[in-house]
Protein backbone atom coordinates (compact mmCIF):
# COMPACT_ATOMS: atom_id res chain seq x y z
CA MET A 1 163.64 -5.57 -5.52
CA ASN A 2 162.23 -8.81 -4.08
CA LYS A 3 159.85 -10.57 -6.48
CA ASN A 4 157.75 -13.12 -4.62
CA LEU A 5 157.41 -16.48 -6.34
CA ILE A 6 154.35 -17.37 -4.29
CA LYS A 7 151.31 -15.08 -4.60
CA ASN A 8 147.78 -14.61 -3.26
CA ILE A 9 148.80 -15.57 0.27
CA GLU A 10 150.14 -13.75 3.32
CA PHE A 11 153.83 -14.14 4.08
CA SER A 12 155.37 -14.71 7.53
CA LYS A 13 152.06 -15.83 9.05
CA ALA A 14 150.85 -19.24 10.19
CA PHE A 15 147.39 -20.19 8.94
CA ASP A 16 145.16 -23.12 8.04
CA MET A 17 145.58 -23.90 4.31
CA GLU A 18 141.91 -24.92 4.15
CA SER A 19 140.87 -21.31 4.90
CA LEU A 20 142.33 -19.98 1.62
CA VAL A 21 139.24 -20.95 -0.40
CA GLU A 22 135.56 -20.92 0.55
CA TYR A 23 132.87 -23.20 -0.77
CA GLY A 24 130.38 -21.85 -3.31
CA GLU A 25 127.05 -23.48 -4.10
CA GLY A 26 127.36 -25.37 -7.39
CA LYS A 27 130.89 -24.06 -7.93
CA VAL A 28 134.55 -24.93 -8.05
CA ILE A 29 136.59 -22.12 -6.50
CA SER A 30 140.37 -21.92 -6.90
CA ARG A 31 143.25 -19.75 -5.72
CA THR A 32 146.54 -20.00 -7.59
CA LEU A 33 149.54 -19.65 -5.29
CA SER A 34 152.28 -20.20 -7.87
CA GLN A 35 152.40 -20.81 -11.62
CA GLY A 36 155.61 -21.38 -13.55
CA LYS A 37 157.45 -23.59 -16.01
CA ALA A 38 158.64 -25.96 -13.28
CA SER A 39 155.53 -26.20 -11.08
CA SER A 40 152.12 -24.89 -10.13
CA ILE A 41 150.42 -24.71 -6.74
CA THR A 42 146.65 -24.17 -6.45
CA VAL A 43 144.08 -24.54 -3.67
CA PHE A 44 140.58 -25.67 -4.71
CA ALA A 45 137.14 -25.89 -3.09
CA PHE A 46 134.50 -28.07 -4.81
CA ASP A 47 130.82 -28.13 -3.95
CA LYS A 48 129.31 -31.62 -3.70
CA ASN A 49 129.01 -33.33 -7.11
CA GLU A 50 131.26 -30.81 -8.89
CA GLU A 51 134.00 -32.38 -10.97
CA ILE A 52 136.99 -32.05 -13.23
CA SER A 53 136.55 -34.19 -16.32
CA SER A 54 139.15 -36.66 -17.52
CA HIS A 55 142.36 -35.11 -18.82
CA ALA A 56 146.10 -35.82 -18.83
CA SER A 57 148.72 -33.45 -17.46
CA ALA A 58 152.25 -32.81 -18.69
CA GLY A 59 153.41 -32.96 -15.07
CA ASP A 60 153.02 -35.21 -12.03
CA ALA A 61 150.08 -33.90 -10.00
CA MET A 62 149.93 -34.36 -6.23
CA VAL A 63 146.64 -33.81 -4.40
CA HIS A 64 146.60 -33.20 -0.63
CA VAL A 65 143.02 -33.41 0.66
CA LEU A 66 142.32 -30.53 3.05
CA ASP A 67 138.62 -31.21 3.70
CA GLY A 68 135.85 -33.57 2.64
CA GLU A 69 136.02 -36.48 0.24
CA ALA A 70 136.36 -37.09 -3.49
CA GLU A 71 136.59 -39.90 -5.99
CA ILE A 72 139.72 -39.58 -8.10
CA THR A 73 140.11 -41.76 -11.16
CA ILE A 74 143.63 -42.41 -12.48
CA GLY A 75 143.60 -44.40 -15.71
CA GLU A 76 140.94 -47.04 -15.04
CA GLU A 77 141.38 -47.16 -11.24
CA LYS A 78 139.14 -45.25 -8.79
CA PHE A 79 140.32 -43.98 -5.39
CA ASN A 80 138.17 -42.54 -2.61
CA VAL A 81 140.31 -39.92 -0.87
CA LYS A 82 139.50 -38.01 2.30
CA LYS A 83 140.86 -35.29 4.56
CA GLY A 84 144.54 -35.76 5.39
CA GLU A 85 145.30 -38.11 2.50
CA VAL A 86 147.62 -37.52 -0.45
CA ILE A 87 147.54 -39.09 -3.92
CA VAL A 88 149.80 -38.57 -6.94
CA MET A 89 148.49 -38.65 -10.49
CA PRO A 90 151.37 -39.46 -12.89
CA SER A 91 151.98 -37.29 -15.94
CA GLY A 92 150.49 -38.50 -19.19
CA ILE A 93 147.86 -40.71 -17.50
CA PRO A 94 144.23 -39.51 -17.82
CA HIS A 95 142.67 -38.60 -14.48
CA SER A 96 139.45 -37.03 -13.21
CA LEU A 97 137.89 -35.91 -9.95
CA LEU A 98 134.35 -35.98 -8.52
CA ALA A 99 133.55 -34.34 -5.18
CA THR A 100 131.40 -36.93 -3.40
CA GLU A 101 130.87 -34.29 -0.70
CA ARG A 102 132.18 -30.76 -0.33
CA PHE A 103 135.90 -31.07 -0.90
CA LYS A 104 139.04 -28.92 -0.65
CA MET A 105 142.48 -29.80 -1.96
CA LEU A 106 145.96 -28.44 -2.40
CA LEU A 107 147.18 -29.33 -5.91
CA ILE A 108 150.89 -29.29 -6.70
CA VAL A 109 151.96 -30.08 -10.26
CA VAL A 110 155.65 -30.60 -11.06
CA PHE A 111 156.73 -30.42 -14.70
CA LYS A 112 159.78 -32.00 -16.34
CA GLN A 113 162.56 -29.51 -17.04
CA ASP A 114 164.80 -30.04 -20.05
């Protein structure tokens, strides 16, 4: 029996990653593609002015911007990121996100394995 490690997505088909989540008025919409001890992969869509408050992660978090723009704060430093850009938020450092316009991202978090 083949147990897929990636879920909520069609296999053996080319597609635009941005199409996996739709915008919702006043909402943050997410679709988890993989969740495990070593990593997680999630696609998000944020309506304008939606946010994720400051928090620290146990893993390094990489954001690939699929659409729109956001302000990402890592520690005390603010970054304006837009479509096509990638930024990594190191583990243990507080970070937050504010969608300055409608915004979609692919989030990959990699956790330390002992």
